[in-house]
N, C-alpha and C. Protein backbone atom coordinates (compact mmCIF):
# COMPACT_ATOMS: atom_id res chain seq x y z
N MET A 1 0.85 -1.20 0.00
CA MET A 1 0.00 0.00 0.00
C MET A 1 0.88 1.25 0.00
N SER A 2 0.55 2.19 -0.87
CA SER A 2 1.34 3.41 -1.00
C SER A 2 0.52 4.64 -0.62
N THR A 3 1.21 5.59 -0.05
CA THR A 3 0.62 6.90 0.26
C THR A 3 1.18 7.90 -0.74
N ARG A 4 0.32 8.71 -1.33
CA ARG A 4 0.76 9.68 -2.33
C ARG A 4 0.64 11.10 -1.80
N LEU A 5 1.71 11.84 -1.97
CA LEU A 5 1.75 13.25 -1.57
C LEU A 5 1.90 14.10 -2.82
N LEU A 6 0.89 14.89 -3.10
CA LEU A 6 0.89 15.80 -4.24
C LEU A 6 1.19 17.20 -3.72
N ILE A 7 2.20 17.84 -4.30
CA ILE A 7 2.56 19.20 -3.88
C ILE A 7 2.43 20.12 -5.08
N ALA A 8 1.58 21.13 -4.97
CA ALA A 8 1.37 22.07 -6.06
C ALA A 8 1.75 23.48 -5.63
N ARG A 9 2.33 24.21 -6.56
CA ARG A 9 2.56 25.63 -6.31
C ARG A 9 1.30 26.40 -6.73
N HIS A 10 0.98 27.43 -5.99
CA HIS A 10 -0.19 28.25 -6.31
C HIS A 10 -0.08 28.85 -7.71
N GLY A 11 -1.19 29.37 -8.22
CA GLY A 11 -1.21 29.98 -9.54
C GLY A 11 -0.66 31.40 -9.55
N ASN A 12 -0.74 32.03 -10.70
CA ASN A 12 -0.18 33.36 -10.91
C ASN A 12 -0.85 34.42 -10.03
N THR A 13 -0.02 35.33 -9.51
CA THR A 13 -0.53 36.49 -8.77
C THR A 13 -0.24 37.79 -9.50
N PHE A 14 0.38 37.68 -10.67
CA PHE A 14 0.64 38.86 -11.50
C PHE A 14 0.14 38.58 -12.91
N GLY A 15 -0.42 39.62 -13.54
CA GLY A 15 -0.92 39.49 -14.89
C GLY A 15 -0.08 40.29 -15.86
N PRO A 16 -0.46 40.26 -17.14
CA PRO A 16 0.27 41.01 -18.16
C PRO A 16 0.29 42.51 -17.82
N GLY A 17 1.46 43.09 -17.88
CA GLY A 17 1.59 44.52 -17.59
C GLY A 17 1.86 44.85 -16.15
N ASP A 18 1.68 43.87 -15.25
CA ASP A 18 1.97 44.11 -13.83
C ASP A 18 3.48 44.12 -13.59
N ILE A 19 3.91 44.88 -12.60
CA ILE A 19 5.30 44.84 -12.17
C ILE A 19 5.47 43.62 -11.27
N VAL A 20 6.28 42.67 -11.71
CA VAL A 20 6.48 41.44 -10.94
C VAL A 20 7.34 41.74 -9.71
N LYS A 21 6.82 41.34 -8.56
CA LYS A 21 7.52 41.60 -7.30
C LYS A 21 7.86 40.30 -6.58
N ARG A 22 8.79 40.40 -5.65
CA ARG A 22 9.19 39.26 -4.82
C ARG A 22 8.20 39.16 -3.66
N VAL A 23 7.20 38.31 -3.82
CA VAL A 23 6.10 38.25 -2.86
C VAL A 23 6.21 36.99 -2.00
N GLY A 24 6.27 37.19 -0.71
CA GLY A 24 6.31 36.08 0.23
C GLY A 24 5.12 36.12 1.17
N THR A 25 5.27 36.85 2.28
CA THR A 25 4.19 36.94 3.26
C THR A 25 3.07 37.87 2.81
N THR A 26 3.33 38.72 1.83
CA THR A 26 2.29 39.60 1.28
C THR A 26 1.17 38.74 0.71
N ASP A 27 -0.06 39.00 1.12
CA ASP A 27 -1.17 38.09 0.81
C ASP A 27 -1.93 38.54 -0.44
N LEU A 28 -1.38 38.22 -1.60
CA LEU A 28 -2.01 38.59 -2.86
C LEU A 28 -2.99 37.51 -3.32
N PRO A 29 -4.09 37.92 -3.97
CA PRO A 29 -5.00 36.94 -4.56
C PRO A 29 -4.49 36.52 -5.94
N LEU A 30 -5.08 35.49 -6.49
CA LEU A 30 -4.75 35.07 -7.85
C LEU A 30 -5.32 36.05 -8.87
N VAL A 31 -4.60 36.21 -9.96
CA VAL A 31 -5.16 36.92 -11.12
C VAL A 31 -5.89 35.89 -11.97
N GLU A 32 -6.52 36.33 -13.06
CA GLU A 32 -7.33 35.43 -13.87
C GLU A 32 -6.55 34.22 -14.36
N SER A 33 -5.32 34.45 -14.82
CA SER A 33 -4.52 33.31 -15.31
C SER A 33 -4.21 32.34 -14.19
N GLY A 34 -4.09 32.84 -12.96
CA GLY A 34 -3.85 31.97 -11.82
C GLY A 34 -5.06 31.12 -11.48
N LEU A 35 -6.24 31.69 -11.61
CA LEU A 35 -7.47 30.92 -11.40
C LEU A 35 -7.57 29.80 -12.42
N ILE A 36 -7.21 30.11 -13.65
CA ILE A 36 -7.21 29.09 -14.71
C ILE A 36 -6.23 27.98 -14.39
N GLN A 37 -5.05 28.36 -13.89
CA GLN A 37 -4.05 27.35 -13.52
C GLN A 37 -4.58 26.41 -12.45
N GLY A 38 -5.34 26.95 -11.51
CA GLY A 38 -5.94 26.11 -10.48
C GLY A 38 -6.91 25.10 -11.08
N ARG A 39 -7.70 25.55 -12.03
CA ARG A 39 -8.65 24.63 -12.68
C ARG A 39 -7.93 23.58 -13.52
N LEU A 40 -6.86 23.99 -14.19
CA LEU A 40 -6.08 23.03 -14.98
C LEU A 40 -5.45 21.97 -14.07
N LEU A 41 -5.01 22.39 -12.89
CA LEU A 41 -4.47 21.44 -11.93
C LEU A 41 -5.53 20.41 -11.56
N GLY A 42 -6.72 20.87 -11.25
CA GLY A 42 -7.80 19.96 -10.89
C GLY A 42 -8.16 19.02 -12.01
N THR A 43 -8.20 19.54 -13.23
CA THR A 43 -8.51 18.70 -14.39
C THR A 43 -7.47 17.61 -14.56
N TYR A 44 -6.20 17.98 -14.39
CA TYR A 44 -5.12 16.99 -14.52
C TYR A 44 -5.25 15.91 -13.45
N LEU A 45 -5.51 16.31 -12.22
CA LEU A 45 -5.64 15.34 -11.13
C LEU A 45 -6.80 14.38 -11.40
N LYS A 46 -7.90 14.92 -11.87
CA LYS A 46 -9.07 14.08 -12.15
C LYS A 46 -8.80 13.10 -13.27
N GLN A 47 -8.16 13.58 -14.33
CA GLN A 47 -7.91 12.74 -15.50
C GLN A 47 -6.85 11.67 -15.24
N ASN A 48 -6.03 11.88 -14.22
CA ASN A 48 -4.95 10.93 -13.93
C ASN A 48 -5.14 10.17 -12.62
N ASN A 49 -6.38 10.09 -12.19
CA ASN A 49 -6.74 9.32 -10.99
C ASN A 49 -5.92 9.74 -9.77
N LEU A 50 -5.77 11.05 -9.62
CA LEU A 50 -5.02 11.60 -8.49
C LEU A 50 -5.90 12.49 -7.61
N ILE A 51 -7.19 12.27 -7.63
CA ILE A 51 -8.08 13.08 -6.81
C ILE A 51 -7.74 12.88 -5.33
N PRO A 52 -7.47 13.97 -4.61
CA PRO A 52 -7.02 13.84 -3.22
C PRO A 52 -8.14 13.48 -2.25
N ASP A 53 -7.74 12.77 -1.21
CA ASP A 53 -8.66 12.45 -0.12
C ASP A 53 -8.70 13.58 0.90
N VAL A 54 -7.63 14.36 0.94
CA VAL A 54 -7.53 15.48 1.87
C VAL A 54 -6.67 16.56 1.23
N ILE A 55 -6.97 17.82 1.53
CA ILE A 55 -6.24 18.94 0.95
C ILE A 55 -5.74 19.86 2.06
N PHE A 56 -4.45 20.18 1.99
CA PHE A 56 -3.84 21.15 2.89
C PHE A 56 -3.32 22.32 2.06
N THR A 57 -3.43 23.53 2.60
CA THR A 57 -2.86 24.69 1.94
C THR A 57 -2.22 25.59 3.00
N SER A 58 -1.52 26.61 2.52
CA SER A 58 -1.10 27.67 3.43
C SER A 58 -2.33 28.48 3.82
N LYS A 59 -2.13 29.49 4.62
CA LYS A 59 -3.23 30.36 5.02
C LYS A 59 -3.36 31.58 4.10
N LEU A 60 -2.60 31.58 3.01
CA LEU A 60 -2.61 32.71 2.08
C LEU A 60 -3.64 32.51 0.97
N LYS A 61 -4.20 33.63 0.52
CA LYS A 61 -5.28 33.59 -0.47
C LYS A 61 -4.90 32.81 -1.71
N ARG A 62 -3.68 33.02 -2.20
CA ARG A 62 -3.29 32.43 -3.48
C ARG A 62 -3.28 30.90 -3.44
N ALA A 63 -2.93 30.34 -2.29
CA ALA A 63 -2.93 28.88 -2.16
C ALA A 63 -4.35 28.34 -2.00
N ILE A 64 -5.13 29.01 -1.16
CA ILE A 64 -6.51 28.57 -0.93
C ILE A 64 -7.31 28.66 -2.22
N GLN A 65 -7.16 29.76 -2.95
CA GLN A 65 -7.90 29.93 -4.21
C GLN A 65 -7.49 28.89 -5.24
N THR A 66 -6.21 28.54 -5.28
CA THR A 66 -5.76 27.50 -6.21
C THR A 66 -6.44 26.18 -5.89
N ALA A 67 -6.50 25.84 -4.60
CA ALA A 67 -7.15 24.60 -4.19
C ALA A 67 -8.64 24.63 -4.50
N GLU A 68 -9.27 25.78 -4.29
CA GLU A 68 -10.71 25.90 -4.57
C GLU A 68 -10.99 25.70 -6.05
N GLN A 69 -10.16 26.31 -6.90
CA GLN A 69 -10.36 26.17 -8.34
C GLN A 69 -10.11 24.73 -8.79
N ALA A 70 -9.12 24.08 -8.18
CA ALA A 70 -8.86 22.68 -8.50
C ALA A 70 -10.07 21.82 -8.13
N GLN A 71 -10.67 22.11 -6.98
CA GLN A 71 -11.86 21.36 -6.58
C GLN A 71 -13.03 21.60 -7.53
N ASN A 72 -13.16 22.82 -8.02
CA ASN A 72 -14.22 23.10 -8.99
C ASN A 72 -14.07 22.21 -10.21
N ALA A 73 -12.83 22.05 -10.66
CA ALA A 73 -12.59 21.22 -11.84
C ALA A 73 -12.79 19.73 -11.54
N MET A 74 -12.42 19.32 -10.34
CA MET A 74 -12.57 17.91 -9.96
C MET A 74 -13.99 17.57 -9.55
N GLN A 75 -14.79 18.62 -9.27
CA GLN A 75 -16.16 18.45 -8.77
C GLN A 75 -16.16 17.70 -7.43
N THR A 76 -15.22 18.10 -6.57
CA THR A 76 -15.12 17.52 -5.24
C THR A 76 -15.41 18.59 -4.19
N HIS A 77 -15.62 18.14 -2.97
CA HIS A 77 -15.92 19.07 -1.87
C HIS A 77 -15.14 18.66 -0.62
N VAL A 78 -13.85 18.41 -0.84
CA VAL A 78 -12.98 18.02 0.27
C VAL A 78 -12.70 19.24 1.15
N LEU A 79 -12.74 19.05 2.45
CA LEU A 79 -12.43 20.14 3.37
C LEU A 79 -10.98 20.58 3.18
N ILE A 80 -10.78 21.88 2.98
CA ILE A 80 -9.43 22.43 2.83
C ILE A 80 -8.91 22.81 4.22
N LYS A 81 -7.81 22.19 4.61
CA LYS A 81 -7.21 22.47 5.92
C LYS A 81 -6.01 23.40 5.72
N THR A 82 -6.02 24.55 6.39
CA THR A 82 -4.93 25.51 6.23
C THR A 82 -3.92 25.37 7.37
N LEU A 83 -2.65 25.37 6.99
CA LEU A 83 -1.57 25.24 7.96
C LEU A 83 -0.53 26.33 7.72
N SER A 84 -0.11 26.97 8.80
CA SER A 84 0.85 28.06 8.67
C SER A 84 2.23 27.58 8.22
N ILE A 85 2.53 26.28 8.40
CA ILE A 85 3.84 25.78 7.97
C ILE A 85 4.01 25.86 6.46
N PHE A 86 2.90 26.01 5.74
CA PHE A 86 2.98 26.10 4.29
C PHE A 86 2.93 27.54 3.78
N ASN A 87 2.89 28.52 4.70
CA ASN A 87 2.96 29.92 4.28
C ASN A 87 4.31 30.20 3.64
N GLU A 88 4.31 31.07 2.63
CA GLU A 88 5.55 31.43 1.96
C GLU A 88 6.50 32.12 2.93
N ILE A 89 7.79 32.07 2.60
CA ILE A 89 8.81 32.67 3.46
C ILE A 89 8.73 34.19 3.43
N ASP A 90 9.39 34.80 4.39
CA ASP A 90 9.47 36.27 4.49
C ASP A 90 10.79 36.71 3.84
N TYR A 91 10.66 37.49 2.78
CA TYR A 91 11.85 37.91 2.03
C TYR A 91 12.56 39.12 2.65
N GLY A 92 12.19 39.47 3.87
CA GLY A 92 12.90 40.54 4.58
C GLY A 92 12.89 41.85 3.82
N PRO A 93 14.05 42.47 3.59
CA PRO A 93 14.09 43.76 2.89
C PRO A 93 13.65 43.67 1.44
N ASP A 94 13.56 42.46 0.90
CA ASP A 94 13.13 42.30 -0.49
C ASP A 94 11.65 41.97 -0.62
N GLU A 95 10.95 41.85 0.51
CA GLU A 95 9.53 41.51 0.48
C GLU A 95 8.73 42.55 -0.28
N ASN A 96 7.97 42.06 -1.28
CA ASN A 96 7.08 42.88 -2.10
C ASN A 96 7.82 43.96 -2.89
N GLN A 97 9.10 43.71 -3.18
CA GLN A 97 9.89 44.64 -3.97
C GLN A 97 10.00 44.15 -5.41
N PRO A 98 10.08 45.08 -6.38
CA PRO A 98 10.26 44.66 -7.77
C PRO A 98 11.50 43.80 -7.94
N GLU A 99 11.42 42.84 -8.84
CA GLU A 99 12.52 41.89 -9.00
C GLU A 99 13.83 42.57 -9.39
N ASP A 100 13.77 43.64 -10.17
CA ASP A 100 15.02 44.29 -10.57
C ASP A 100 15.73 44.90 -9.36
N LYS A 101 14.95 45.38 -8.38
CA LYS A 101 15.55 45.91 -7.16
C LYS A 101 16.15 44.79 -6.30
N VAL A 102 15.50 43.65 -6.31
CA VAL A 102 16.00 42.50 -5.55
C VAL A 102 17.34 42.04 -6.12
N VAL A 103 17.40 41.96 -7.44
CA VAL A 103 18.65 41.56 -8.10
C VAL A 103 19.75 42.58 -7.82
N ALA A 104 19.39 43.85 -7.84
CA ALA A 104 20.38 44.91 -7.60
C ALA A 104 20.93 44.83 -6.18
N ARG A 105 20.09 44.48 -5.21
CA ARG A 105 20.55 44.40 -3.82
C ARG A 105 21.39 43.16 -3.56
N LEU A 106 20.92 42.02 -4.06
CA LEU A 106 21.56 40.75 -3.71
C LEU A 106 22.64 40.32 -4.69
N GLY A 107 22.42 40.65 -5.97
CA GLY A 107 23.31 40.14 -7.01
C GLY A 107 22.77 38.84 -7.58
N ALA A 108 23.05 38.61 -8.85
CA ALA A 108 22.52 37.43 -9.54
C ALA A 108 23.04 36.12 -8.94
N GLU A 109 24.28 36.14 -8.46
CA GLU A 109 24.89 34.91 -7.93
C GLU A 109 24.14 34.40 -6.70
N ALA A 110 23.74 35.31 -5.82
CA ALA A 110 23.01 34.90 -4.61
C ALA A 110 21.66 34.30 -4.96
N LEU A 111 20.99 34.87 -5.94
CA LEU A 111 19.69 34.35 -6.36
C LEU A 111 19.85 33.01 -7.07
N GLN A 112 20.92 32.85 -7.83
CA GLN A 112 21.17 31.57 -8.49
C GLN A 112 21.42 30.46 -7.46
N ALA A 113 22.10 30.80 -6.37
CA ALA A 113 22.34 29.81 -5.31
C ALA A 113 21.03 29.41 -4.63
N TRP A 114 20.12 30.35 -4.50
CA TRP A 114 18.80 30.06 -3.93
C TRP A 114 18.03 29.11 -4.85
N GLU A 115 18.10 29.34 -6.15
CA GLU A 115 17.38 28.49 -7.10
C GLU A 115 18.04 27.13 -7.27
N ALA A 116 19.36 27.06 -7.09
CA ALA A 116 20.07 25.81 -7.33
C ALA A 116 20.02 24.86 -6.14
N ASN A 117 20.24 25.39 -4.94
CA ASN A 117 20.32 24.50 -3.78
C ASN A 117 19.71 25.07 -2.50
N ALA A 118 18.86 26.09 -2.65
CA ALA A 118 18.11 26.68 -1.53
C ALA A 118 19.02 27.34 -0.50
N THR A 119 20.15 27.89 -0.96
CA THR A 119 21.00 28.69 -0.08
C THR A 119 20.33 30.05 0.13
N VAL A 120 20.02 30.38 1.37
CA VAL A 120 19.22 31.57 1.66
C VAL A 120 20.05 32.85 1.50
N PRO A 121 19.59 33.80 0.70
CA PRO A 121 20.31 35.08 0.54
C PRO A 121 20.30 35.90 1.83
N ASN A 122 21.26 36.78 1.93
CA ASN A 122 21.40 37.63 3.10
C ASN A 122 20.17 38.51 3.32
N GLY A 123 19.66 38.50 4.55
CA GLY A 123 18.55 39.37 4.90
C GLY A 123 17.19 38.71 4.88
N TRP A 124 17.06 37.58 4.19
CA TRP A 124 15.76 36.91 4.15
C TRP A 124 15.50 36.23 5.50
N LYS A 125 14.26 36.31 5.96
CA LYS A 125 13.91 35.78 7.27
C LYS A 125 13.37 34.36 7.13
N VAL A 126 14.30 33.44 6.97
CA VAL A 126 13.91 32.04 6.76
C VAL A 126 14.95 31.12 7.39
N ASP A 127 14.45 30.09 8.05
CA ASP A 127 15.31 29.07 8.65
C ASP A 127 15.09 27.76 7.90
N PRO A 128 15.99 27.38 7.00
CA PRO A 128 15.80 26.16 6.22
C PRO A 128 15.55 24.92 7.07
N GLN A 129 16.26 24.79 8.18
CA GLN A 129 16.09 23.58 8.99
C GLN A 129 14.68 23.47 9.55
N THR A 130 14.08 24.61 9.89
CA THR A 130 12.69 24.58 10.37
C THR A 130 11.75 24.09 9.28
N ILE A 131 11.95 24.57 8.06
CA ILE A 131 11.10 24.14 6.94
C ILE A 131 11.29 22.65 6.66
N ILE A 132 12.54 22.20 6.68
CA ILE A 132 12.83 20.78 6.45
C ILE A 132 12.16 19.92 7.52
N THR A 133 12.30 20.33 8.78
CA THR A 133 11.69 19.59 9.88
C THR A 133 10.17 19.58 9.75
N ASN A 134 9.59 20.70 9.32
CA ASN A 134 8.14 20.76 9.12
C ASN A 134 7.69 19.74 8.08
N TRP A 135 8.42 19.65 6.97
CA TRP A 135 8.08 18.66 5.94
C TRP A 135 8.21 17.24 6.50
N GLN A 136 9.27 16.99 7.23
CA GLN A 136 9.49 15.64 7.77
C GLN A 136 8.42 15.27 8.78
N ASP A 137 8.09 16.19 9.67
CA ASP A 137 7.05 15.91 10.67
C ASP A 137 5.69 15.74 10.00
N PHE A 138 5.41 16.57 9.00
CA PHE A 138 4.15 16.47 8.27
C PHE A 138 4.05 15.12 7.56
N SER A 139 5.15 14.67 6.97
CA SER A 139 5.12 13.40 6.24
C SER A 139 4.88 12.22 7.18
N VAL A 140 5.41 12.31 8.40
CA VAL A 140 5.16 11.27 9.40
C VAL A 140 3.67 11.24 9.76
N LYS A 141 3.10 12.43 9.91
CA LYS A 141 1.67 12.53 10.20
C LYS A 141 0.84 11.88 9.09
N LEU A 142 1.26 12.09 7.85
CA LEU A 142 0.52 11.52 6.72
C LEU A 142 0.53 10.00 6.77
N THR A 143 1.68 9.42 7.05
CA THR A 143 1.76 7.96 7.07
C THR A 143 1.01 7.37 8.26
N GLU A 144 0.84 8.17 9.31
CA GLU A 144 0.11 7.69 10.49
C GLU A 144 -1.40 7.87 10.34
N GLU A 145 -1.81 9.01 9.75
CA GLU A 145 -3.24 9.34 9.71
C GLU A 145 -3.88 9.13 8.34
N TYR A 146 -3.07 9.10 7.29
CA TYR A 146 -3.64 8.99 5.94
C TYR A 146 -2.93 7.93 5.11
N ALA A 147 -2.52 6.85 5.74
CA ALA A 147 -1.83 5.77 5.04
C ALA A 147 -2.70 5.24 3.90
N GLY A 148 -2.09 5.11 2.73
CA GLY A 148 -2.81 4.60 1.57
C GLY A 148 -3.67 5.63 0.87
N LYS A 149 -3.66 6.86 1.37
CA LYS A 149 -4.48 7.93 0.80
C LYS A 149 -3.66 8.83 -0.13
N THR A 150 -4.37 9.72 -0.80
CA THR A 150 -3.73 10.74 -1.65
C THR A 150 -3.95 12.09 -1.00
N ILE A 151 -2.86 12.80 -0.77
CA ILE A 151 -2.89 14.08 -0.06
C ILE A 151 -2.39 15.18 -0.98
N LEU A 152 -3.12 16.27 -1.09
CA LEU A 152 -2.69 17.42 -1.88
C LEU A 152 -2.29 18.55 -0.94
N VAL A 153 -1.11 19.12 -1.20
CA VAL A 153 -0.65 20.32 -0.49
C VAL A 153 -0.46 21.42 -1.52
N VAL A 154 -1.09 22.57 -1.30
CA VAL A 154 -0.87 23.73 -2.16
C VAL A 154 -0.10 24.76 -1.35
N THR A 155 1.08 25.10 -1.83
CA THR A 155 1.95 25.99 -1.08
C THR A 155 2.69 26.91 -2.05
N SER A 156 3.79 27.48 -1.59
CA SER A 156 4.56 28.42 -2.39
C SER A 156 5.94 27.85 -2.68
N ASN A 157 6.63 28.49 -3.61
CA ASN A 157 7.90 27.97 -4.09
C ASN A 157 8.98 27.93 -3.01
N GLY A 158 8.99 28.94 -2.14
CA GLY A 158 10.01 28.99 -1.10
C GLY A 158 9.91 27.84 -0.11
N ILE A 159 8.70 27.31 0.06
CA ILE A 159 8.48 26.18 0.96
C ILE A 159 8.62 24.85 0.21
N ALA A 160 8.03 24.77 -0.97
CA ALA A 160 8.02 23.51 -1.73
C ALA A 160 9.42 23.05 -2.12
N ARG A 161 10.34 23.99 -2.32
CA ARG A 161 11.68 23.61 -2.77
C ARG A 161 12.44 22.76 -1.74
N PHE A 162 11.95 22.73 -0.50
CA PHE A 162 12.60 21.91 0.52
C PHE A 162 11.97 20.52 0.64
N ALA A 163 10.86 20.28 -0.05
CA ALA A 163 10.19 18.98 0.01
C ALA A 163 11.07 17.82 -0.44
N PRO A 164 11.98 18.02 -1.41
CA PRO A 164 12.84 16.89 -1.82
C PRO A 164 13.70 16.31 -0.71
N TYR A 165 13.81 16.99 0.43
CA TYR A 165 14.50 16.38 1.57
C TYR A 165 13.81 15.09 2.00
N LEU A 166 12.54 14.93 1.64
CA LEU A 166 11.80 13.72 1.98
C LEU A 166 12.35 12.50 1.25
N THR A 167 13.09 12.72 0.16
CA THR A 167 13.66 11.60 -0.59
C THR A 167 14.87 11.00 0.11
N GLY A 168 15.40 11.71 1.10
CA GLY A 168 16.56 11.22 1.81
C GLY A 168 17.89 11.66 1.25
N ASN A 169 17.86 12.30 0.06
CA ASN A 169 19.11 12.76 -0.54
C ASN A 169 18.86 14.02 -1.36
N PHE A 170 18.85 15.14 -0.68
CA PHE A 170 18.56 16.42 -1.34
C PHE A 170 19.65 16.78 -2.35
N THR A 171 20.90 16.45 -2.04
CA THR A 171 22.00 16.79 -2.94
C THR A 171 21.87 16.07 -4.28
N ASP A 172 21.57 14.79 -4.25
CA ASP A 172 21.37 14.05 -5.50
C ASP A 172 20.17 14.60 -6.26
N PHE A 173 19.12 14.95 -5.53
CA PHE A 173 17.92 15.47 -6.18
C PHE A 173 18.23 16.76 -6.93
N THR A 174 18.94 17.67 -6.28
CA THR A 174 19.24 18.96 -6.91
C THR A 174 20.22 18.82 -8.06
N ALA A 175 20.97 17.74 -8.09
CA ALA A 175 21.87 17.49 -9.22
C ALA A 175 21.09 17.07 -10.46
N GLN A 176 19.89 16.56 -10.25
CA GLN A 176 19.08 16.06 -11.36
C GLN A 176 17.91 16.98 -11.72
N HIS A 177 17.52 17.84 -10.80
CA HIS A 177 16.34 18.68 -11.00
C HIS A 177 16.62 20.12 -10.60
N SER A 178 15.94 21.04 -11.26
CA SER A 178 15.87 22.41 -10.76
C SER A 178 14.81 22.43 -9.66
N ILE A 179 15.14 23.01 -8.52
CA ILE A 179 14.17 22.98 -7.42
C ILE A 179 13.13 24.09 -7.53
N LYS A 180 13.29 24.97 -8.50
CA LYS A 180 12.27 26.00 -8.71
C LYS A 180 11.07 25.37 -9.40
N ILE A 181 9.90 25.67 -8.87
CA ILE A 181 8.65 25.11 -9.39
C ILE A 181 7.85 26.22 -10.05
N SER A 182 7.30 25.94 -11.21
CA SER A 182 6.48 26.92 -11.93
C SER A 182 5.15 27.13 -11.21
N THR A 183 4.56 28.30 -11.40
CA THR A 183 3.23 28.53 -10.83
C THR A 183 2.25 27.53 -11.43
N GLY A 184 1.41 26.97 -10.59
CA GLY A 184 0.41 26.01 -11.04
C GLY A 184 0.94 24.62 -11.31
N ALA A 185 2.24 24.40 -11.08
CA ALA A 185 2.84 23.10 -11.39
C ALA A 185 2.67 22.12 -10.23
N LEU A 186 2.89 20.84 -10.56
CA LEU A 186 2.61 19.74 -9.63
C LEU A 186 3.85 18.87 -9.43
N CYS A 187 4.02 18.40 -8.20
CA CYS A 187 5.06 17.42 -7.87
C CYS A 187 4.37 16.24 -7.18
N VAL A 188 4.79 15.04 -7.53
CA VAL A 188 4.15 13.83 -7.01
C VAL A 188 5.18 12.97 -6.28
N PHE A 189 4.89 12.70 -5.01
CA PHE A 189 5.73 11.83 -4.20
C PHE A 189 4.91 10.61 -3.77
N GLU A 190 5.59 9.51 -3.57
CA GLU A 190 4.92 8.28 -3.14
C GLU A 190 5.79 7.56 -2.12
N LYS A 191 5.14 6.96 -1.14
CA LYS A 191 5.88 6.23 -0.10
C LYS A 191 5.18 4.91 0.21
N ASN A 192 5.94 3.83 0.14
CA ASN A 192 5.43 2.54 0.56
C ASN A 192 5.56 2.42 2.07
N LEU A 193 4.70 1.64 2.66
CA LEU A 193 4.71 1.49 4.12
C LEU A 193 6.04 0.95 4.62
N SER A 194 6.70 0.14 3.80
CA SER A 194 7.95 -0.48 4.22
C SER A 194 9.16 0.42 4.03
N SER A 195 8.97 1.58 3.40
CA SER A 195 10.08 2.47 3.09
C SER A 195 10.19 3.60 4.12
N ASP A 196 11.41 4.08 4.31
CA ASP A 196 11.64 5.20 5.22
C ASP A 196 11.63 6.54 4.50
N VAL A 197 11.71 6.51 3.17
CA VAL A 197 11.79 7.75 2.40
C VAL A 197 10.70 7.77 1.32
N TRP A 198 10.51 8.97 0.78
CA TRP A 198 9.53 9.17 -0.28
C TRP A 198 10.23 9.13 -1.64
N ASN A 199 9.55 8.59 -2.62
CA ASN A 199 10.05 8.54 -3.98
C ASN A 199 9.37 9.63 -4.80
N CYS A 200 10.14 10.47 -5.46
CA CYS A 200 9.56 11.53 -6.29
C CYS A 200 9.29 10.97 -7.68
N LEU A 201 8.01 10.89 -8.05
CA LEU A 201 7.61 10.37 -9.35
C LEU A 201 7.53 11.45 -10.41
N GLN A 202 7.16 12.66 -10.01
CA GLN A 202 7.06 13.80 -10.93
C GLN A 202 7.51 15.05 -10.19
N TRP A 203 8.20 15.92 -10.93
CA TRP A 203 8.63 17.18 -10.33
C TRP A 203 8.40 18.31 -11.34
N ASN A 204 7.72 19.34 -10.88
CA ASN A 204 7.46 20.53 -11.71
C ASN A 204 6.71 20.17 -12.99
N LEU A 205 5.71 19.33 -12.85
CA LEU A 205 4.86 18.97 -13.98
C LEU A 205 3.81 20.06 -14.18
N ARG A 206 3.78 20.62 -15.36
CA ARG A 206 2.83 21.69 -15.65
C ARG A 206 1.62 21.11 -16.36
N PRO A 207 0.45 21.11 -15.71
CA PRO A 207 -0.74 20.56 -16.34
C PRO A 207 -1.00 21.22 -17.69
N PRO A 208 -1.32 20.42 -18.71
CA PRO A 208 -1.53 20.98 -20.05
C PRO A 208 -2.77 21.85 -20.11
N LYS A 209 -2.71 22.84 -21.00
CA LYS A 209 -3.88 23.70 -21.20
C LYS A 209 -4.94 22.93 -21.97
N GLU A 210 -6.17 23.26 -21.68
CA GLU A 210 -7.28 22.56 -22.34
C GLU A 210 -7.43 23.03 -23.78
């Protein structure tokens, strides 16, 4: 018997013509394209027999709305449980700042290190070990309370990029994958009862447009 953990990044919070900003704790809603991404996620889950038994999201609008739109497409009414551990990180002095200003302050190399191996840039208010521990504790809860079930988590990129620690070898994972996840994209993990680690079956899968 296997337990499946589906991790999705929320949909778009910026539309055409908007100034793209580094948004973490700032609670932005989805724009129209983001709502569509949520529905596409739900359609993909339904078509691939991945309809979740339980749904967890952050407490931020963009994650909750993505889950709601996915449910609309799946025609399900699963209770959405919000957890603060899935809230996006606090970007400190770069929070809600235009990306060009963020690059100017930190430099491209620091941002590349964040995208490559989750090395936290100077000034950001994030403790990687806390996020890793949260994922590990949450995964234990899943195997205890939802064994054999399918669980969907909708969160943000700053949190989801640490989920590969569940595989037991983050270094090998980052050597094979970019840990940056596209908006509206899906990652699929699976764990057998006899295994101590999770197997990543899909990473950064973008549901096709209808």
